[in-house]
Amino acid sequence: MTKKIFTDKDIEQWERDLFENTPPPIEEITLPDFSQPKTFRASAATTGIVISTINRDGNTTNLFLNPVIAKYLIHTIAMQGQEAGWLNEKLEIISPDLLLNS
């Protein structure tokens, strides 16, 4: 006999949580206020993914992402990276073009 690690109800709750009480929109001007990882390690767990970063200021940040957040984060990085011009359709890093005034 087997037992599931998490249930459909857990998944439904994670999806509800994801879209309730979201942080305010991020403005580019606030970017210096964010942690800026310079390296990371990730490890899969049966209930999600664990990520540990060492930031530019030397501090460590540890995150646990449930499967719903992990899935949406993958999608968000791929889509927004392409929209911002630093990922191509193959998800390769590219340097965005800088528009210059003539």
Foldseek 3Di string as FASTA:
>chain_A
DDDQPDDPVVVVVVVVVVPPPDDDDDDPVCVVVDFAFPDKDKDADSFFIWMWGQTPVRDIDIDGDGPVRVVVVVVCCQVVCVVVPQAPNVRHGDDRDDDDDD
